[in-house]
Protein backbone atom coordinates (compact mmCIF):
# COMPACT_ATOMS: atom_id res chain seq x y z
CA MET A 1 -15.84 -49.83 2.66
CA ILE A 2 -15.54 -46.45 0.72
CA SER A 3 -18.85 -44.44 0.23
CA MET A 4 -19.68 -44.00 -3.46
CA GLN A 5 -21.53 -40.75 -2.75
CA PHE A 6 -19.31 -37.83 -3.21
CA PHE A 7 -20.86 -35.62 -0.46
CA PRO A 8 -21.70 -36.79 3.09
CA SER A 9 -25.45 -36.93 4.02
CA ARG A 10 -27.44 -33.65 3.43
CA THR A 11 -27.55 -33.00 7.31
CA VAL A 12 -23.76 -33.34 7.71
CA THR A 13 -23.07 -31.35 4.47
CA THR A 14 -25.27 -28.43 5.68
CA TYR A 15 -23.80 -28.63 9.16
CA MET A 16 -20.17 -28.52 7.95
CA ALA A 17 -20.80 -25.75 5.23
CA LYS A 18 -22.71 -23.62 7.74
CA SER A 19 -20.13 -23.89 10.53
CA PHE A 20 -17.43 -23.01 8.00
CA LEU A 21 -19.28 -19.85 6.63
CA VAL A 22 -20.16 -18.55 10.15
CA ARG A 23 -16.68 -18.82 11.38
CA THR A 24 -15.21 -17.30 8.22
CA PHE A 25 -17.37 -14.27 8.30
CA ALA A 26 -17.01 -13.88 11.94
CA VAL A 27 -13.15 -13.81 11.45
CA LEU A 28 -13.63 -11.31 8.72
CA ALA A 29 -15.89 -9.13 10.75
CA ALA A 30 -13.32 -8.96 13.54
CA LEU A 31 -10.45 -8.31 11.23
CA VAL A 32 -12.29 -5.49 9.31
CA ILE A 33 -13.31 -3.82 12.60
CA VAL A 34 -9.77 -3.79 13.99
CA LEU A 35 -8.14 -2.88 10.87
CA GLN A 36 -10.70 -0.04 9.86
CA PHE A 37 -10.24 1.43 13.35
CA LEU A 38 -6.43 1.60 12.83
CA ASP A 39 -6.61 2.92 9.48
CA ALA A 40 -9.16 5.60 10.38
CA LEU A 41 -6.98 6.63 13.20
CA SER A 42 -4.04 7.03 10.95
CA GLU A 43 -5.78 8.95 8.20
CA SER A 44 -8.23 11.15 10.24
CA GLY A 45 -5.68 13.82 10.65
CA ARG A 46 -5.26 14.39 6.95
CA ILE A 47 -8.99 14.23 6.43
CA LEU A 48 -9.73 16.98 9.12
CA ALA A 49 -6.74 19.13 7.95
CA HIS A 50 -8.92 20.36 5.00
CA PRO A 51 -10.96 23.26 6.04
CA GLY A 52 -14.65 22.41 6.45
CA ASN A 53 -14.11 18.65 6.87
CA GLY A 54 -15.68 17.08 9.88
CA GLN A 55 -17.11 13.71 11.39
CA ALA A 56 -19.18 13.31 8.20
CA GLU A 57 -16.04 13.09 5.98
CA VAL A 58 -14.39 10.67 8.36
CA TRP A 59 -17.32 8.32 8.10
CA ARG A 60 -17.38 8.84 4.38
CA TYR A 61 -13.66 7.82 4.32
CA ILE A 62 -14.60 4.63 6.46
CA SER A 63 -17.40 3.68 4.03
CA LEU A 64 -15.04 3.93 1.00
CA ARG A 65 -12.18 2.08 2.65
CA THR A 66 -14.08 -0.73 4.33
CA PRO A 67 -14.76 -2.49 0.99
CA GLU A 68 -10.97 -2.50 0.07
CA ILE A 69 -10.27 -4.04 3.52
CA ILE A 70 -12.91 -6.69 3.02
CA ALA A 71 -11.75 -7.63 -0.40
CA ARG A 72 -8.13 -7.90 0.76
CA PHE A 73 -8.72 -9.87 3.78
CA LEU A 74 -11.46 -12.23 2.78
CA PRO A 75 -9.22 -15.07 1.63
CA TYR A 76 -7.26 -14.79 4.89
CA SER A 77 -10.65 -15.11 6.77
CA VAL A 78 -11.49 -18.08 4.56
CA LEU A 79 -8.18 -19.83 5.61
CA LEU A 80 -8.71 -18.98 9.32
CA GLY A 81 -12.33 -20.07 9.18
CA ALA A 82 -11.48 -23.36 7.51
CA ILE A 83 -8.83 -23.91 10.23
CA ILE A 84 -11.06 -23.24 13.03
CA THR A 85 -13.69 -25.54 11.65
CA TYR A 86 -11.38 -28.40 11.03
CA SER A 87 -9.87 -28.20 14.44
CA THR A 88 -13.33 -28.09 16.05
CA LEU A 89 -14.33 -31.21 13.97
CA ASN A 90 -11.16 -32.98 14.79
CA GLN A 91 -11.31 -32.13 18.39
CA ASN A 92 -14.82 -33.56 18.62
CA SER A 93 -13.95 -36.78 16.73
CA GLU A 94 -16.26 -35.92 14.09
CA VAL A 95 -13.85 -36.26 11.36
CA ILE A 96 -12.91 -39.78 12.81
CA ALA A 97 -16.65 -40.69 12.61
CA MET A 98 -17.03 -39.60 9.02
CA LYS A 99 -13.73 -41.45 8.04
CA ALA A 100 -15.19 -44.59 9.87
CA SER A 101 -18.43 -44.32 7.82
CA GLY A 102 -16.29 -44.84 4.78
CA LEU A 103 -15.78 -41.35 3.52
CA SER A 104 -12.46 -40.29 1.96
CA ALA A 105 -10.69 -37.22 2.77
CA HIS A 106 -11.84 -35.40 -0.40
CA GLN A 107 -15.56 -36.53 0.53
CA VAL A 108 -15.05 -34.97 3.98
CA LEU A 109 -13.75 -31.71 2.53
CA ALA A 110 -16.31 -31.45 -0.30
CA PRO A 111 -18.98 -29.47 1.75
CA MET A 112 -16.27 -26.85 2.43
CA ILE A 113 -14.97 -26.64 -0.95
CA ILE A 114 -18.57 -26.05 -2.39
CA ALA A 115 -19.00 -23.39 0.15
CA ALA A 116 -15.79 -21.87 -0.73
CA ILE A 117 -16.81 -21.74 -4.34
CA GLY A 118 -19.87 -19.68 -3.28
CA VAL A 119 -17.61 -17.31 -1.30
CA ALA A 120 -15.31 -16.92 -4.50
CA ALA A 121 -18.34 -16.04 -6.56
CA ILE A 122 -19.61 -13.51 -4.04
CA SER A 123 -16.10 -12.08 -3.75
CA PHE A 124 -15.71 -11.66 -7.52
CA ALA A 125 -19.04 -9.81 -7.77
CA PHE A 126 -18.31 -7.64 -4.69
CA ASN A 127 -14.99 -6.66 -5.98
CA ASP A 128 -16.29 -5.96 -9.62
CA ARG A 129 -19.31 -4.13 -8.48
CA ILE A 130 -18.63 -2.33 -5.18
CA VAL A 131 -14.76 -2.36 -4.46
CA SER A 132 -13.64 -0.95 -7.77
CA ARG A 133 -16.13 1.90 -7.56
CA ALA A 134 -15.18 2.63 -3.84
CA THR A 135 -11.44 2.50 -4.72
CA ASP A 136 -11.80 4.82 -7.73
CA THR A 137 -13.91 7.41 -5.66
CA LEU A 138 -11.30 7.14 -2.65
CA ASN A 139 -8.29 7.51 -5.10
CA ARG A 140 -9.79 10.64 -6.71
CA TRP A 141 -10.64 12.10 -3.24
CA GLN A 142 -7.20 11.34 -1.91
CA LYS A 143 -5.51 13.22 -5.03
CA VAL A 144 -7.29 16.40 -4.09
CA ASP A 145 -6.21 15.99 -0.31
CA TYR A 146 -9.74 15.13 0.72
CA ALA A 147 -11.14 18.28 -0.72
CA PRO A 148 -14.60 18.18 -2.53
CA ILE A 149 -14.25 15.83 -5.60
CA PRO A 150 -14.60 17.76 -8.92
CA ILE A 151 -17.46 16.44 -11.13
CA ASP A 152 -16.06 13.64 -13.29
CA ARG A 153 -16.84 14.36 -16.89
CA GLY A 154 -14.24 11.94 -18.27
CA ASP A 155 -11.56 14.58 -18.32
CA ARG A 156 -7.88 13.62 -17.41
CA VAL A 157 -5.67 15.54 -14.90
CA ASN A 158 -1.84 15.95 -14.39
CA ILE A 159 -0.89 13.83 -17.51
CA TRP A 160 2.74 13.30 -18.36
CA THR A 161 4.08 11.93 -21.64
CA ARG A 162 7.23 11.73 -23.64
CA SER A 163 7.95 13.15 -27.13
CA GLY A 164 11.32 11.77 -28.15
CA ASP A 165 13.79 13.01 -25.40
CA ASP A 166 11.35 15.78 -24.40
CA LEU A 167 8.52 15.58 -21.84
CA ILE A 168 5.13 17.13 -21.89
CA ASN A 169 2.89 17.96 -18.78
CA VAL A 170 -0.70 18.84 -19.23
CA LYS A 171 -2.66 19.81 -16.06
CA LEU A 172 -6.10 19.04 -17.64
CA VAL A 173 -7.09 17.17 -20.88
CA LYS A 174 -10.72 17.55 -22.16
CA GLY A 175 -12.27 15.53 -24.85
CA ARG A 176 -10.80 12.48 -26.79
CA GLY A 177 -9.03 11.94 -30.15
CA ASP A 178 -8.28 14.89 -32.51
CA ALA A 179 -10.90 17.06 -30.56
CA ALA A 180 -8.76 16.84 -27.25
CA ILE A 181 -8.20 20.23 -25.75
CA LEU A 182 -5.18 20.70 -23.43
CA ASN A 183 -5.03 23.24 -20.51
CA ASP A 184 -2.00 24.47 -18.82
CA VAL A 185 0.65 22.81 -21.03
CA THR A 186 4.43 22.68 -20.11
CA PHE A 187 7.02 21.33 -22.70
CA TYR A 188 10.27 20.40 -21.35
CA ASP A 189 12.99 20.53 -24.09
CA ARG A 190 15.90 18.32 -23.18
CA ASN A 191 18.99 17.30 -24.96
CA LYS A 192 20.20 13.72 -25.74
CA ALA A 193 21.79 13.47 -22.33
CA GLY A 194 18.51 14.33 -20.59
CA GLU A 195 19.71 17.80 -19.43
CA LEU A 196 16.80 20.38 -19.44
CA GLN A 197 17.51 23.16 -22.04
CA ALA A 198 14.26 25.20 -21.91
CA THR A 199 10.69 24.96 -21.02
CA ILE A 200 7.68 26.29 -23.09
CA SER A 201 4.47 26.84 -21.20
CA ALA A 202 1.09 27.78 -22.48
CA PRO A 203 -2.49 27.87 -20.99
CA HIS A 204 -4.17 26.35 -24.18
CA GLY A 205 -3.42 23.68 -26.71
CA ARG A 206 -5.11 21.63 -29.42
CA ARG A 207 -4.20 19.08 -32.17
CA GLU A 208 -2.69 20.30 -35.45
CA GLY A 209 -1.39 18.09 -38.04
CA LYS A 210 0.87 15.57 -36.26
CA GLY A 211 1.68 17.83 -33.39
CA TRP A 212 -0.02 20.25 -30.86
CA ARG A 213 -0.28 23.92 -31.21
CA ILE A 214 -0.10 25.77 -27.96
CA TRP A 215 -0.75 29.46 -27.19
CA PRO A 216 0.12 32.09 -25.86
CA ALA A 217 3.32 30.40 -25.29
CA GLN A 218 6.30 31.55 -23.22
CA LYS A 219 9.85 30.13 -23.44
CA PHE A 220 12.28 30.02 -20.50
CA ASP A 221 15.88 29.47 -21.51
CA VAL A 222 17.59 27.51 -18.54
CA ALA A 223 21.10 28.45 -19.42
CA GLY A 224 20.57 32.21 -19.89
CA GLY A 225 17.56 32.67 -17.59
CA VAL A 226 15.76 34.65 -20.01
CA ALA A 227 11.89 34.39 -20.67
CA THR A 228 10.56 35.04 -24.24
CA ASN A 229 6.96 35.40 -25.57
CA LEU A 230 6.40 33.05 -28.47
CA GLY A 231 2.86 33.37 -29.32
CA ALA A 232 1.54 30.19 -30.98
CA VAL A 233 4.07 27.35 -31.28
CA LEU A 234 3.96 23.79 -32.44
CA VAL A 235 5.32 21.09 -30.03
CA GLY A 236 4.91 17.36 -29.53
CA GLU A 237 5.57 16.25 -33.07
CA GLY A 238 4.26 12.59 -33.25
CA VAL A 239 2.51 12.63 -30.02
CA SER A 240 -0.98 10.96 -30.46
CA PRO A 241 -4.04 12.04 -28.62
CA ASP A 242 -4.14 8.70 -26.75
CA GLN A 243 -1.04 9.44 -25.03
CA PHE A 244 -2.94 12.18 -23.17
CA THR A 245 -6.20 10.57 -22.77
CA LEU A 246 -5.08 6.97 -21.91
CA ALA A 247 -2.08 7.97 -19.75
CA THR A 248 -3.56 6.85 -16.58
CA VAL A 249 -5.32 3.61 -16.07
CA ASP A 250 -6.01 2.44 -12.44
CA ALA A 251 -6.68 -1.31 -12.53
CA ASP A 252 -7.96 -1.31 -8.91
CA GLY A 253 -10.56 1.37 -9.79
CA LEU A 254 -12.01 -0.47 -12.78
CA SER A 255 -14.18 -3.49 -13.00
CA PHE A 256 -13.20 -6.48 -15.15
CA THR A 257 -15.00 -5.36 -18.23
CA GLU A 258 -13.94 -1.80 -17.96
CA LEU A 259 -10.26 -2.77 -17.59
CA TRP A 260 -10.66 -5.13 -20.47
CA SER A 261 -11.82 -2.36 -22.65
CA ALA A 262 -9.15 0.00 -21.37
CA ILE A 263 -6.45 -2.60 -22.21
CA GLY A 264 -8.08 -2.82 -25.69
CA ASP A 265 -7.76 0.94 -26.30
CA LEU A 266 -4.15 0.90 -25.01
CA LYS A 267 -3.12 -1.74 -27.34
CA ALA A 268 -4.69 0.06 -30.27
CA ALA A 269 -2.76 3.00 -29.35
CA GLY A 270 0.49 1.04 -29.22
CA ARG A 271 1.00 1.34 -25.49
CA PRO A 272 2.44 -1.29 -23.29
CA THR A 273 -0.26 -3.42 -21.36
CA LYS A 274 1.65 -6.30 -19.75
CA ALA A 275 1.20 -5.04 -16.14
CA LEU A 276 -2.56 -4.31 -16.54
CA GLU A 277 -3.07 -7.69 -18.25
CA GLY A 278 -1.62 -9.24 -14.99
CA ASP A 279 -4.02 -7.21 -12.93
CA LEU A 280 -6.81 -8.24 -15.26
CA TRP A 281 -6.33 -11.97 -14.79
CA HIS A 282 -5.72 -11.51 -11.08
CA LYS A 283 -9.29 -10.16 -10.84
CA LEU A 284 -10.33 -13.74 -11.52
CA SER A 285 -7.52 -15.59 -9.73
CA GLY A 286 -7.65 -13.45 -6.59
CA PRO A 287 -11.30 -14.49 -5.59
CA LEU A 288 -10.68 -18.04 -6.48
CA SER A 289 -7.96 -18.17 -4.04
CA SER A 290 -10.72 -18.67 -1.44
CA ILE A 291 -11.27 -22.25 -2.97
CA LEU A 292 -7.58 -23.09 -2.14
CA MET A 293 -7.96 -22.19 1.47
CA PRO A 294 -10.07 -25.20 2.75
CA LEU A 295 -7.59 -27.49 0.74
CA LEU A 296 -4.44 -25.82 2.21
CA GLY A 297 -5.83 -25.89 5.75
CA ALA A 298 -7.16 -29.48 5.54
CA ILE A 299 -4.19 -30.89 7.34
CA ALA A 300 -5.67 -29.59 10.58
CA ALA A 301 -8.67 -31.76 9.86
CA PHE A 302 -6.87 -35.28 10.09
CA GLY A 303 -4.93 -36.92 12.75
CA ILE A 304 -5.96 -37.86 16.18
CA ALA A 305 -6.58 -34.77 18.29
CA ARG A 306 -5.39 -36.39 21.50
CA SER A 307 -2.02 -37.05 19.98
CA GLY A 308 -1.18 -33.50 20.95
CA LYS A 309 -0.31 -32.59 17.37
CA LEU A 310 -3.52 -30.80 16.59
CA PHE A 311 -1.91 -27.28 17.29
CA VAL A 312 1.07 -28.08 15.08
CA ARG A 313 -1.28 -29.19 12.26
CA ALA A 314 -3.15 -25.94 12.49
CA VAL A 315 0.00 -23.95 12.43
CA ILE A 316 1.24 -25.92 9.25
CA GLY A 317 -2.09 -25.25 7.54
CA MET A 318 -1.85 -21.55 8.34
CA ALA A 319 1.81 -21.52 7.09
CA LEU A 320 0.83 -23.15 3.84
CA GLY A 321 -2.02 -20.52 3.33
CA PHE A 322 0.02 -17.48 4.16
CA THR A 323 2.78 -18.72 2.02
CA TYR A 324 0.42 -18.74 -0.85
CA PHE A 325 -0.40 -15.11 -0.46
CA VAL A 326 3.37 -14.26 -0.31
CA VAL A 327 4.08 -16.14 -3.54
CA ASP A 328 0.98 -14.68 -5.09
CA ASN A 329 2.05 -11.13 -4.37
CA PHE A 330 5.65 -11.85 -5.53
CA ALA A 331 4.38 -13.34 -8.76
CA LEU A 332 2.07 -10.43 -9.49
CA ALA A 333 5.01 -8.01 -8.62
CA MET A 334 7.28 -9.88 -11.18
CA GLY A 335 4.45 -9.69 -13.70
CA ASN A 336 4.23 -5.84 -13.27
CA LEU A 337 7.95 -5.62 -13.77
CA GLY A 338 7.76 -7.83 -17.05
CA ALA A 339 9.59 -10.57 -15.68
CA TYR A 340 6.80 -13.06 -15.88
CA PRO A 341 3.94 -13.42 -18.55
CA PRO A 342 0.72 -11.86 -17.34
CA ILE A 343 -1.19 -15.15 -17.18
CA LEU A 344 1.62 -16.95 -15.45
CA ALA A 345 2.00 -14.18 -12.88
CA ALA A 346 -1.80 -14.46 -11.98
CA TRP A 347 -2.36 -18.16 -12.36
CA ALA A 348 0.98 -19.81 -11.56
CA PRO A 349 0.54 -19.55 -7.78
CA PHE A 350 -2.98 -20.78 -7.81
CA VAL A 351 -2.21 -23.99 -9.76
CA LEU A 352 1.17 -24.49 -7.77
CA PHE A 353 -0.58 -24.42 -4.39
CA LEU A 354 -3.45 -26.42 -5.81
CA MET A 355 -1.00 -29.29 -6.38
CA ILE A 356 0.65 -28.79 -3.08
CA GLY A 357 -2.65 -28.91 -1.22
CA GLU A 358 -3.54 -32.27 -3.03
CA ALA A 359 -0.26 -33.68 -2.37
CA VAL A 360 -0.43 -32.79 1.30
CA LEU A 361 -3.92 -34.07 1.55
CA ILE A 362 -3.12 -37.40 -0.19
CA ARG A 363 -0.12 -37.90 2.00
CA THR A 364 -2.20 -37.13 5.15
CA GLU A 365 -4.93 -39.57 4.12
CA GLU A 366 -2.28 -42.33 3.68
């Protein structure tokens, strides 16, 4: 007789969820320790190469890198924690006892799924509040080769943008909109074939009309090898201020709401946002992958342990889980290239493997 209660008893539910969470976070701790140790060894040479850096800077790097490693390998840990829990329950014939009491396969998995939902919620909050800030700080630190990070006043550094066939490089942009001030500007004058004809460089620049007036400018003719002082000159006709101030958006270094706002600004400026939209939706689908892991690894829970196929079932569960991560990364890459729509790139692997997991579970139960 099938039990009409969706969850097992409170004792069994608590026992299964606790066992699953303990194993998941134990696996995560082991992975983080090993991977962080290897990463710190490979990066410590670059950190210590900067004069004045020492042990404190190495520990600072570890503190900034650890959240990234946790965020990346938490879903893997959920998968391995689920498989270990399932294998233990199967080996001790606890799954058989629950099935004999009238519980279906979905009822057996229910405590694990609920626990995984909690892990997904924690993962999203952790990624949004901690990982994004640590990633942003680490990226800015690495850009200056682990030197002291300049105070962030909202300025933009080393910006490249296009003006027709020409290119413009600005080392520092201060302010936003028509009040933006350019510092160390280089204008690359190119012909229709993309060949460089001349460069115009100046230490200062500001918005004037539909272009940018830079001064005191010096022109270098590539063909003749002659440098000429031009004084003040107008360049970048049609280049909007947003092309400088919105030129760099690092999705990994922004929270969900910050990235949403940045995409809105880019759209208003007429800039392409498809790749960033895929990253935005993946900030939701990524943490939710933790919910899939108990379902994909559930094949290890069923079947008779003494049949000798428990190890094979565990391997199949791991293969399903790792295949999901491969497909997810592939879909996200295709979305960044524009081959997939952003929502499809972020959510298609989740929906696909949800159906695969359900099909395998139903087939296993039969």
